[in-house]
All heavy atoms as atom14 arrays in JSON, in Angstrom:
{
  "sequence": "YDWELRISTLINIYNIDTLDVLHNWLITQGIKEQNIDYNLCIYPQE",
  "atom14_mask": [
    [1, 1, 1, 1, 1, 1, 1, 1, 1, 1, 1, 1, 0, 0],
    [1, 1, 1, 1, 1, 1, 1, 1, 0, 0, 0, 0, 0, 0],
    [1, 1, 1, 1, 1, 1, 1, 1, 1, 1, 1, 1, 1, 1],
    [1, 1, 1, 1, 1, 1, 1, 1, 1, 0, 0, 0, 0, 0],
    [1, 1, 1, 1, 1, 1, 1, 1, 0, 0, 0, 0, 0, 0],
    [1, 1, 1, 1, 1, 1, 1, 1, 1, 1, 1, 0, 0, 0],
    [1, 1, 1, 1, 1, 1, 1, 1, 0, 0, 0, 0, 0, 0],
    [1, 1, 1, 1, 1, 1, 0, 0, 0, 0, 0, 0, 0, 0],
    [1, 1, 1, 1, 1, 1, 1, 0, 0, 0, 0, 0, 0, 0],
    [1, 1, 1, 1, 1, 1, 1, 1, 0, 0, 0, 0, 0, 0],
    [1, 1, 1, 1, 1, 1, 1, 1, 0, 0, 0, 0, 0, 0],
    [1, 1, 1, 1, 1, 1, 1, 1, 0, 0, 0, 0, 0, 0],
    [1, 1, 1, 1, 1, 1, 1, 1, 0, 0, 0, 0, 0, 0],
    [1, 1, 1, 1, 1, 1, 1, 1, 1, 1, 1, 1, 0, 0],
    [1, 1, 1, 1, 1, 1, 1, 1, 0, 0, 0, 0, 0, 0],
    [1, 1, 1, 1, 1, 1, 1, 1, 0, 0, 0, 0, 0, 0],
    [1, 1, 1, 1, 1, 1, 1, 1, 0, 0, 0, 0, 0, 0],
    [1, 1, 1, 1, 1, 1, 1, 0, 0, 0, 0, 0, 0, 0],
    [1, 1, 1, 1, 1, 1, 1, 1, 0, 0, 0, 0, 0, 0],
    [1, 1, 1, 1, 1, 1, 1, 1, 0, 0, 0, 0, 0, 0],
    [1, 1, 1, 1, 1, 1, 1, 0, 0, 0, 0, 0, 0, 0],
    [1, 1, 1, 1, 1, 1, 1, 1, 0, 0, 0, 0, 0, 0],
    [1, 1, 1, 1, 1, 1, 1, 1, 1, 1, 0, 0, 0, 0],
    [1, 1, 1, 1, 1, 1, 1, 1, 0, 0, 0, 0, 0, 0],
    [1, 1, 1, 1, 1, 1, 1, 1, 1, 1, 1, 1, 1, 1],
    [1, 1, 1, 1, 1, 1, 1, 1, 0, 0, 0, 0, 0, 0],
    [1, 1, 1, 1, 1, 1, 1, 1, 0, 0, 0, 0, 0, 0],
    [1, 1, 1, 1, 1, 1, 1, 0, 0, 0, 0, 0, 0, 0],
    [1, 1, 1, 1, 1, 1, 1, 1, 1, 0, 0, 0, 0, 0],
    [1, 1, 1, 1, 0, 0, 0, 0, 0, 0, 0, 0, 0, 0],
    [1, 1, 1, 1, 1, 1, 1, 1, 0, 0, 0, 0, 0, 0],
    [1, 1, 1, 1, 1, 1, 1, 1, 1, 0, 0, 0, 0, 0],
    [1, 1, 1, 1, 1, 1, 1, 1, 1, 0, 0, 0, 0, 0],
    [1, 1, 1, 1, 1, 1, 1, 1, 1, 0, 0, 0, 0, 0],
    [1, 1, 1, 1, 1, 1, 1, 1, 0, 0, 0, 0, 0, 0],
    [1, 1, 1, 1, 1, 1, 1, 1, 0, 0, 0, 0, 0, 0],
    [1, 1, 1, 1, 1, 1, 1, 1, 0, 0, 0, 0, 0, 0],
    [1, 1, 1, 1, 1, 1, 1, 1, 1, 1, 1, 1, 0, 0],
    [1, 1, 1, 1, 1, 1, 1, 1, 0, 0, 0, 0, 0, 0],
    [1, 1, 1, 1, 1, 1, 1, 1, 0, 0, 0, 0, 0, 0],
    [1, 1, 1, 1, 1, 1, 0, 0, 0, 0, 0, 0, 0, 0],
    [1, 1, 1, 1, 1, 1, 1, 1, 0, 0, 0, 0, 0, 0],
    [1, 1, 1, 1, 1, 1, 1, 1, 1, 1, 1, 1, 0, 0],
    [1, 1, 1, 1, 1, 1, 1, 0, 0, 0, 0, 0, 0, 0],
    [1, 1, 1, 1, 1, 1, 1, 1, 1, 0, 0, 0, 0, 0],
    [1, 1, 1, 1, 1, 1, 1, 1, 1, 0, 0, 0, 0, 0]
  ],
  "atom14_positions": [
    [[21.35, -0.45, 7.62], [21.84, -1.84, 7.51], [21.47, -2.5, 6.18], [21.65, -3.7, 6.01], [21.3, -2.67, 8.66], [21.78, -2.19, 10.0], [20.94, -1.49, 10.87], [23.1, -2.42, 10.42], [21.38, -1.03, 12.1], [23.55, -1.97, 11.66], [22.68, -1.28, 12.49], [23.13, -0.83, 13.72], [0.0, 0.0, 0.0], [0.0, 0.0, 0.0]],
    [[20.95, -1.73, 5.23], [20.59, -2.25, 3.91], [19.53, -3.35, 4.01], [19.61, -4.38, 3.34], [21.83, -2.77, 3.17], [21.56, -3.0, 1.69], [20.7, -2.29, 1.14], [22.19, -3.89, 1.1], [0.0, 0.0, 0.0], [0.0, 0.0, 0.0], [0.0, 0.0, 0.0], [0.0, 0.0, 0.0], [0.0, 0.0, 0.0], [0.0, 0.0, 0.0]],
    [[18.55, -3.13, 4.87], [17.42, -4.05, 4.93], [16.43, -3.69, 3.84], [16.32, -2.54, 3.42], [16.72, -3.95, 6.29], [17.57, -4.35, 7.46], [18.7, -5.11, 7.44], [17.37, -3.98, 8.83], [19.22, -5.25, 8.71], [18.41, -4.57, 9.59], [16.4, -3.22, 9.5], [18.51, -4.42, 10.97], [16.5, -3.08, 10.87], [17.54, -3.67, 11.6]],
    [[15.69, -4.69, 3.39], [14.65, -4.46, 2.39], [13.33, -4.22, 3.11], [12.76, -5.13, 3.73], [14.52, -5.68, 1.47], [13.54, -5.49, 0.32], [14.03, -4.53, -0.74], [15.26, -4.3, -0.84], [13.19, -4.0, -1.47], [0.0, 0.0, 0.0], [0.0, 0.0, 0.0], [0.0, 0.0, 0.0], [0.0, 0.0, 0.0], [0.0, 0.0, 0.0]],
    [[12.84, -3.0, 3.06], [11.61, -2.61, 3.75], [10.52, -2.35, 2.71], [10.72, -1.57, 1.78], [11.84, -1.35, 4.59], [10.63, -0.77, 5.31], [10.09, -1.77, 6.35], [10.99, 0.55, 5.98], [0.0, 0.0, 0.0], [0.0, 0.0, 0.0], [0.0, 0.0, 0.0], [0.0, 0.0, 0.0], [0.0, 0.0, 0.0], [0.0, 0.0, 0.0]],
    [[9.36, -3.02, 2.91], [8.27, -2.88, 1.98], [6.96, -2.65, 2.73], [6.83, -3.0, 3.9], [8.13, -4.12, 1.09], [9.39, -4.45, 0.33], [9.12, -5.47, -0.76], [8.27, -4.91, -1.81], [8.74, -4.11, -2.77], [10.01, -3.78, -2.81], [7.91, -3.65, -3.7], [0.0, 0.0, 0.0], [0.0, 0.0, 0.0], [0.0, 0.0, 0.0]],
    [[6.01, -2.09, 2.01], [4.66, -1.91, 2.53], [3.72, -2.76, 1.68], [3.8, -2.75, 0.46], [4.21, -0.43, 2.47], [5.21, 0.47, 3.2], [2.8, -0.27, 3.04], [5.37, 0.17, 4.67], [0.0, 0.0, 0.0], [0.0, 0.0, 0.0], [0.0, 0.0, 0.0], [0.0, 0.0, 0.0], [0.0, 0.0, 0.0], [0.0, 0.0, 0.0]],
    [[2.84, -3.49, 2.35], [1.85, -4.3, 1.65], [0.46, -3.74, 1.95], [0.07, -3.59, 3.11], [1.93, -5.76, 2.12], [0.94, -6.55, 1.5], [0.0, 0.0, 0.0], [0.0, 0.0, 0.0], [0.0, 0.0, 0.0], [0.0, 0.0, 0.0], [0.0, 0.0, 0.0], [0.0, 0.0, 0.0], [0.0, 0.0, 0.0], [0.0, 0.0, 0.0]],
    [[-0.28, -3.45, 0.87], [-1.61, -2.85, 1.01], [-2.64, -3.71, 0.3], [-2.46, -4.08, -0.87], [-1.63, -1.43, 0.42], [-0.71, -0.61, 1.16], [-3.01, -0.81, 0.49], [0.0, 0.0, 0.0], [0.0, 0.0, 0.0], [0.0, 0.0, 0.0], [0.0, 0.0, 0.0], [0.0, 0.0, 0.0], [0.0, 0.0, 0.0], [0.0, 0.0, 0.0]],
    [[-3.72, -4.02, 1.0], [-4.79, -4.85, 0.47], [-5.88, -3.93, -0.1], [-6.52, -3.18, 0.63], [-5.36, -5.73, 1.57], [-6.38, -6.8, 1.16], [-5.72, -7.86, 0.29], [-7.0, -7.43, 2.41], [0.0, 0.0, 0.0], [0.0, 0.0, 0.0], [0.0, 0.0, 0.0], [0.0, 0.0, 0.0], [0.0, 0.0, 0.0], [0.0, 0.0, 0.0]],
    [[-6.1, -4.01, -1.4], [-7.1, -3.17, -2.05], [-8.49, -3.73, -1.76], [-8.81, -4.87, -2.1], [-6.86, -3.13, -3.57], [-5.45, -2.59, -3.87], [-7.91, -2.27, -4.26], [-5.05, -2.71, -5.33], [0.0, 0.0, 0.0], [0.0, 0.0, 0.0], [0.0, 0.0, 0.0], [0.0, 0.0, 0.0], [0.0, 0.0, 0.0], [0.0, 0.0, 0.0]],
    [[-9.34, -2.92, -1.13], [-10.65, -3.39, -0.7], [-11.68, -2.26, -0.8], [-11.35, -1.13, -1.17], [-10.57, -3.94, 0.71], [-10.12, -2.89, 1.71], [-10.93, -2.08, 2.17], [-8.83, -2.88, 2.06], [0.0, 0.0, 0.0], [0.0, 0.0, 0.0], [0.0, 0.0, 0.0], [0.0, 0.0, 0.0], [0.0, 0.0, 0.0], [0.0, 0.0, 0.0]],
    [[-12.92, -2.57, -0.46], [-13.99, -1.58, -0.62], [-13.79, -0.35, 0.26], [-14.29, 0.73, -0.07], [-15.37, -2.2, -0.33], [-15.47, -2.71, 1.11], [-15.68, -3.31, -1.33], [-16.87, -3.16, 1.52], [0.0, 0.0, 0.0], [0.0, 0.0, 0.0], [0.0, 0.0, 0.0], [0.0, 0.0, 0.0], [0.0, 0.0, 0.0], [0.0, 0.0, 0.0]],
    [[-13.07, -0.49, 1.35], [-12.9, 0.63, 2.28], [-11.83, 1.63, 1.82], [-11.94, 2.81, 2.12], [-12.52, 0.11, 3.67], [-13.55, -0.79, 4.32], [-13.28, -2.14, 4.5], [-14.77, -0.31, 4.75], [-14.2, -2.98, 5.09], [-15.71, -1.13, 5.35], [-15.41, -2.48, 5.52], [-16.34, -3.31, 6.11], [0.0, 0.0, 0.0], [0.0, 0.0, 0.0]],
    [[-10.79, 1.15, 1.16], [-9.67, 2.04, 0.85], [-9.55, 2.43, -0.62], [-8.67, 3.22, -0.98], [-8.34, 1.44, 1.33], [-7.94, 0.17, 0.57], [-8.58, -0.23, -0.4], [-6.88, -0.47, 1.03], [0.0, 0.0, 0.0], [0.0, 0.0, 0.0], [0.0, 0.0, 0.0], [0.0, 0.0, 0.0], [0.0, 0.0, 0.0], [0.0, 0.0, 0.0]],
    [[-10.42, 1.88, -1.47], [-10.26, 2.09, -2.91], [-10.32, 3.57, -3.29], [-9.68, 4.01, -4.25], [-11.33, 1.28, -3.69], [-11.07, 1.34, -5.2], [-12.74, 1.74, -3.36], [-9.76, 0.74, -5.61], [0.0, 0.0, 0.0], [0.0, 0.0, 0.0], [0.0, 0.0, 0.0], [0.0, 0.0, 0.0], [0.0, 0.0, 0.0], [0.0, 0.0, 0.0]],
    [[-11.07, 4.37, -2.51], [-11.22, 5.78, -2.84], [-10.14, 6.66, -2.22], [-10.07, 7.86, -2.52], [-12.61, 6.27, -2.39], [-12.96, 7.63, -2.96], [-12.59, 7.89, -4.12], [-13.6, 8.43, -2.25], [0.0, 0.0, 0.0], [0.0, 0.0, 0.0], [0.0, 0.0, 0.0], [0.0, 0.0, 0.0], [0.0, 0.0, 0.0], [0.0, 0.0, 0.0]],
    [[-9.27, 6.07, -1.37], [-8.27, 6.89, -0.67], [-6.86, 6.31, -0.77], [-5.99, 6.69, 0.01], [-8.64, 7.04, 0.82], [-8.72, 5.74, 1.43], [-9.97, 7.76, 0.99], [0.0, 0.0, 0.0], [0.0, 0.0, 0.0], [0.0, 0.0, 0.0], [0.0, 0.0, 0.0], [0.0, 0.0, 0.0], [0.0, 0.0, 0.0], [0.0, 0.0, 0.0]],
    [[-6.63, 5.41, -1.7], [-5.29, 4.83, -1.84], [-4.24, 5.89, -2.12], [-3.08, 5.76, -1.71], [-5.28, 3.79, -2.97], [-5.88, 2.42, -2.65], [-5.85, 1.52, -3.88], [-5.14, 1.75, -1.5], [0.0, 0.0, 0.0], [0.0, 0.0, 0.0], [0.0, 0.0, 0.0], [0.0, 0.0, 0.0], [0.0, 0.0, 0.0], [0.0, 0.0, 0.0]],
    [[-4.63, 6.95, -2.82], [-3.67, 8.0, -3.14], [-3.18, 8.72, -1.88], [-2.02, 9.13, -1.8], [-4.28, 9.01, -4.12], [-5.57, 9.63, -3.59], [-6.39, 8.89, -3.0], [-5.78, 10.85, -3.79], [0.0, 0.0, 0.0], [0.0, 0.0, 0.0], [0.0, 0.0, 0.0], [0.0, 0.0, 0.0], [0.0, 0.0, 0.0], [0.0, 0.0, 0.0]],
    [[-4.07, 8.86, -0.88], [-3.68, 9.51, 0.37], [-2.6, 8.7, 1.08], [-1.57, 9.24, 1.5], [-4.91, 9.69, 1.3], [-4.47, 10.34, 2.62], [-5.97, 10.52, 0.62], [0.0, 0.0, 0.0], [0.0, 0.0, 0.0], [0.0, 0.0, 0.0], [0.0, 0.0, 0.0], [0.0, 0.0, 0.0], [0.0, 0.0, 0.0], [0.0, 0.0, 0.0]],
    [[-2.82, 7.4, 1.2], [-1.81, 6.53, 1.83], [-0.54, 6.51, 1.0], [0.57, 6.64, 1.56], [-2.36, 5.11, 1.97], [-1.35, 4.06, 2.45], [-0.85, 4.39, 3.85], [-1.96, 2.66, 2.42], [0.0, 0.0, 0.0], [0.0, 0.0, 0.0], [0.0, 0.0, 0.0], [0.0, 0.0, 0.0], [0.0, 0.0, 0.0], [0.0, 0.0, 0.0]],
    [[-0.67, 6.33, -0.29], [0.5, 6.24, -1.18], [1.37, 7.49, -1.04], [2.6, 7.38, -0.86], [0.03, 6.07, -2.62], [1.14, 5.82, -3.6], [1.57, 4.57, -3.95], [1.93, 6.69, -4.28], [2.55, 4.66, -4.81], [2.79, 5.93, -5.03], [0.0, 0.0, 0.0], [0.0, 0.0, 0.0], [0.0, 0.0, 0.0], [0.0, 0.0, 0.0]],
    [[0.76, 8.65, -1.11], [1.53, 9.89, -1.04], [2.17, 10.08, 0.33], [3.3, 10.58, 0.43], [0.61, 11.08, -1.37], [0.16, 11.07, -2.82], [0.82, 10.49, -3.68], [-0.99, 11.66, -3.09], [0.0, 0.0, 0.0], [0.0, 0.0, 0.0], [0.0, 0.0, 0.0], [0.0, 0.0, 0.0], [0.0, 0.0, 0.0], [0.0, 0.0, 0.0]],
    [[1.47, 9.68, 1.39], [2.05, 9.79, 2.73], [3.27, 8.88, 2.86], [4.3, 9.29, 3.42], [1.02, 9.42, 3.79], [1.57, 9.52, 5.18], [1.73, 10.65, 5.94], [2.07, 8.44, 5.99], [2.28, 10.35, 7.16], [2.51, 8.99, 7.22], [2.18, 7.07, 5.8], [3.05, 8.22, 8.25], [2.72, 6.29, 6.81], [3.15, 6.86, 8.02]],
    [[3.18, 7.66, 2.35], [4.32, 6.74, 2.42], [5.54, 7.29, 1.69], [6.67, 7.18, 2.17], [3.93, 5.38, 1.83], [2.93, 4.56, 2.66], [2.45, 3.36, 1.85], [3.55, 4.1, 3.97], [0.0, 0.0, 0.0], [0.0, 0.0, 0.0], [0.0, 0.0, 0.0], [0.0, 0.0, 0.0], [0.0, 0.0, 0.0], [0.0, 0.0, 0.0]],
    [[5.31, 7.92, 0.56], [6.41, 8.52, -0.2], [7.07, 9.63, 0.61], [8.31, 9.73, 0.67], [5.91, 9.07, -1.55], [5.34, 7.95, -2.43], [7.05, 9.79, -2.29], [6.31, 6.85, -2.77], [0.0, 0.0, 0.0], [0.0, 0.0, 0.0], [0.0, 0.0, 0.0], [0.0, 0.0, 0.0], [0.0, 0.0, 0.0], [0.0, 0.0, 0.0]],
    [[6.27, 10.44, 1.28], [6.84, 11.54, 2.08], [7.64, 11.0, 3.27], [8.55, 11.67, 3.76], [5.75, 12.48, 2.62], [4.89, 11.77, 3.52], [4.93, 13.06, 1.48], [0.0, 0.0, 0.0], [0.0, 0.0, 0.0], [0.0, 0.0, 0.0], [0.0, 0.0, 0.0], [0.0, 0.0, 0.0], [0.0, 0.0, 0.0], [0.0, 0.0, 0.0]],
    [[7.32, 9.79, 3.72], [8.04, 9.2, 4.85], [9.37, 8.57, 4.41], [10.2, 8.22, 5.25], [7.19, 8.12, 5.53], [5.87, 8.63, 6.08], [6.05, 9.8, 7.02], [6.69, 9.69, 8.06], [5.47, 10.94, 6.65], [0.0, 0.0, 0.0], [0.0, 0.0, 0.0], [0.0, 0.0, 0.0], [0.0, 0.0, 0.0], [0.0, 0.0, 0.0]],
    [[9.57, 8.42, 3.11], [10.82, 7.85, 2.62], [10.69, 6.46, 2.04], [11.71, 5.82, 1.72], [0.0, 0.0, 0.0], [0.0, 0.0, 0.0], [0.0, 0.0, 0.0], [0.0, 0.0, 0.0], [0.0, 0.0, 0.0], [0.0, 0.0, 0.0], [0.0, 0.0, 0.0], [0.0, 0.0, 0.0], [0.0, 0.0, 0.0], [0.0, 0.0, 0.0]],
    [[9.46, 5.95, 1.87], [9.26, 4.65, 1.22], [9.3, 4.85, -0.29], [8.61, 5.72, -0.83], [7.9, 4.03, 1.63], [7.85, 3.81, 3.15], [7.67, 2.72, 0.89], [8.82, 2.78, 3.67], [0.0, 0.0, 0.0], [0.0, 0.0, 0.0], [0.0, 0.0, 0.0], [0.0, 0.0, 0.0], [0.0, 0.0, 0.0], [0.0, 0.0, 0.0]],
    [[10.1, 4.04, -0.97], [10.18, 4.15, -2.42], [8.9, 3.61, -3.05], [8.31, 2.65, -2.58], [11.38, 3.36, -2.94], [12.72, 3.87, -2.43], [13.85, 2.99, -2.93], [15.19, 3.47, -2.39], [16.3, 2.58, -2.83], [0.0, 0.0, 0.0], [0.0, 0.0, 0.0], [0.0, 0.0, 0.0], [0.0, 0.0, 0.0], [0.0, 0.0, 0.0]],
    [[8.49, 4.24, -4.14], [7.24, 3.84, -4.8], [7.26, 2.37, -5.19], [6.25, 1.67, -5.05], [7.01, 4.71, -6.04], [5.66, 4.46, -6.69], [5.36, 5.47, -7.77], [4.8, 6.54, -7.46], [5.7, 5.19, -8.94], [0.0, 0.0, 0.0], [0.0, 0.0, 0.0], [0.0, 0.0, 0.0], [0.0, 0.0, 0.0], [0.0, 0.0, 0.0]],
    [[8.41, 1.88, -5.66], [8.49, 0.48, -6.08], [8.48, -0.48, -4.9], [8.42, -1.7, -5.08], [9.73, 0.23, -6.95], [11.06, 0.42, -6.26], [11.62, 1.81, -6.46], [10.86, 2.78, -6.59], [12.95, 1.92, -6.5], [0.0, 0.0, 0.0], [0.0, 0.0, 0.0], [0.0, 0.0, 0.0], [0.0, 0.0, 0.0], [0.0, 0.0, 0.0]],
    [[8.53, 0.05, -3.68], [8.5, -0.79, -2.48], [7.13, -0.82, -1.83], [6.99, -1.24, -0.69], [9.54, -0.31, -1.46], [10.95, -0.72, -1.84], [11.25, -0.91, -3.01], [11.8, -0.88, -0.86], [0.0, 0.0, 0.0], [0.0, 0.0, 0.0], [0.0, 0.0, 0.0], [0.0, 0.0, 0.0], [0.0, 0.0, 0.0], [0.0, 0.0, 0.0]],
    [[6.11, -0.36, -2.56], [4.73, -0.44, -2.08], [4.01, -1.48, -2.93], [3.87, -1.31, -4.14], [4.01, 0.92, -2.17], [4.83, 2.01, -1.47], [2.62, 0.82, -1.56], [4.28, 3.41, -1.67], [0.0, 0.0, 0.0], [0.0, 0.0, 0.0], [0.0, 0.0, 0.0], [0.0, 0.0, 0.0], [0.0, 0.0, 0.0], [0.0, 0.0, 0.0]],
    [[3.58, -2.55, -2.29], [2.93, -3.65, -3.0], [1.43, -3.61, -2.77], [0.97, -3.49, -1.63], [3.48, -4.99, -2.51], [4.97, -5.12, -2.72], [5.45, -4.64, -3.76], [5.65, -5.7, -1.86], [0.0, 0.0, 0.0], [0.0, 0.0, 0.0], [0.0, 0.0, 0.0], [0.0, 0.0, 0.0], [0.0, 0.0, 0.0], [0.0, 0.0, 0.0]],
    [[0.68, -3.74, -3.85], [-0.78, -3.74, -3.77], [-1.32, -5.1, -4.16], [-0.92, -5.68, -5.17], [-1.36, -2.66, -4.69], [-1.02, -1.26, -4.25], [0.06, -0.58, -4.82], [-1.76, -0.61, -3.26], [0.38, 0.71, -4.41], [-1.46, 0.68, -2.86], [-0.38, 1.33, -3.43], [-0.06, 2.6, -3.02], [0.0, 0.0, 0.0], [0.0, 0.0, 0.0]],
    [[-2.23, -5.61, -3.34], [-2.87, -6.9, -3.61], [-4.38, -6.73, -3.58], [-4.92, -6.02, -2.73], [-2.47, -7.93, -2.55], [-1.0, -8.29, -2.62], [-0.58, -9.07, -3.45], [-0.21, -7.69, -1.74], [0.0, 0.0, 0.0], [0.0, 0.0, 0.0], [0.0, 0.0, 0.0], [0.0, 0.0, 0.0], [0.0, 0.0, 0.0], [0.0, 0.0, 0.0]],
    [[-5.06, -7.39, -4.48], [-6.51, -7.33, -4.52], [-7.11, -8.22, -3.44], [-6.71, -9.37, -3.26], [-7.02, -7.8, -5.89], [-6.73, -6.9, -7.08], [-7.0, -7.63, -8.38], [-7.55, -5.61, -6.99], [0.0, 0.0, 0.0], [0.0, 0.0, 0.0], [0.0, 0.0, 0.0], [0.0, 0.0, 0.0], [0.0, 0.0, 0.0], [0.0, 0.0, 0.0]],
    [[-8.08, -7.69, -2.72], [-8.79, -8.47, -1.71], [-9.84, -9.34, -2.42], [-10.75, -8.82, -3.07], [-9.47, -7.55, -0.7], [-10.36, -8.44, 0.6], [0.0, 0.0, 0.0], [0.0, 0.0, 0.0], [0.0, 0.0, 0.0], [0.0, 0.0, 0.0], [0.0, 0.0, 0.0], [0.0, 0.0, 0.0], [0.0, 0.0, 0.0], [0.0, 0.0, 0.0]],
    [[-9.68, -10.65, -2.29], [-10.64, -11.6, -2.84], [-11.43, -12.27, -1.71], [-12.59, -12.63, -1.86], [-9.92, -12.66, -3.69], [-9.09, -11.99, -4.79], [-10.91, -13.64, -4.3], [-9.89, -11.18, -5.79], [0.0, 0.0, 0.0], [0.0, 0.0, 0.0], [0.0, 0.0, 0.0], [0.0, 0.0, 0.0], [0.0, 0.0, 0.0], [0.0, 0.0, 0.0]],
    [[-10.76, -12.44, -0.57], [-11.41, -13.03, 0.6], [-11.18, -12.12, 1.81], [-10.05, -11.66, 2.0], [-10.84, -14.43, 0.89], [-11.44, -15.05, 2.12], [-12.6, -15.81, 2.03], [-10.88, -14.84, 3.38], [-13.18, -16.35, 3.17], [-11.46, -15.37, 4.53], [-12.6, -16.13, 4.41], [-13.18, -16.66, 5.53], [0.0, 0.0, 0.0], [0.0, 0.0, 0.0]],
    [[-12.2, -11.87, 2.63], [-13.58, -12.29, 2.41], [-14.2, -11.59, 1.2], [-13.89, -10.41, 0.94], [-14.29, -11.89, 3.7], [-13.47, -10.77, 4.25], [-12.06, -11.06, 3.86], [0.0, 0.0, 0.0], [0.0, 0.0, 0.0], [0.0, 0.0, 0.0], [0.0, 0.0, 0.0], [0.0, 0.0, 0.0], [0.0, 0.0, 0.0], [0.0, 0.0, 0.0]],
    [[-15.06, -12.3, 0.49], [-15.57, -11.77, -0.77], [-16.4, -10.51, -0.58], [-16.56, -9.72, -1.53], [-16.38, -12.84, -1.5], [-17.59, -13.35, -0.75], [-18.34, -14.42, -1.53], [-18.06, -14.64, -2.71], [-19.29, -15.07, -0.9], [0.0, 0.0, 0.0], [0.0, 0.0, 0.0], [0.0, 0.0, 0.0], [0.0, 0.0, 0.0], [0.0, 0.0, 0.0]],
    [[-16.9, -10.27, 0.64], [-17.66, -9.05, 0.9], [-16.83, -7.79, 0.73], [-17.38, -6.7, 0.56], [-18.24, -9.09, 2.33], [-19.37, -10.06, 2.54], [-18.87, -11.46, 2.89], [-17.64, -11.68, 2.88], [-19.7, -12.32, 3.18], [0.0, 0.0, 0.0], [0.0, 0.0, 0.0], [0.0, 0.0, 0.0], [0.0, 0.0, 0.0], [0.0, 0.0, 0.0]]
  ]
}
């Protein structure tokens, strides 16, 4: 139906070392690289 599908990922202390694993899996599922959005976690500051 030509819907715009995106993935939003919050960069944080837990996933910083494994973002490539998620990124590569999403690509294999058919998500376009330009449709994966990354945002820096500022809150909670921990």
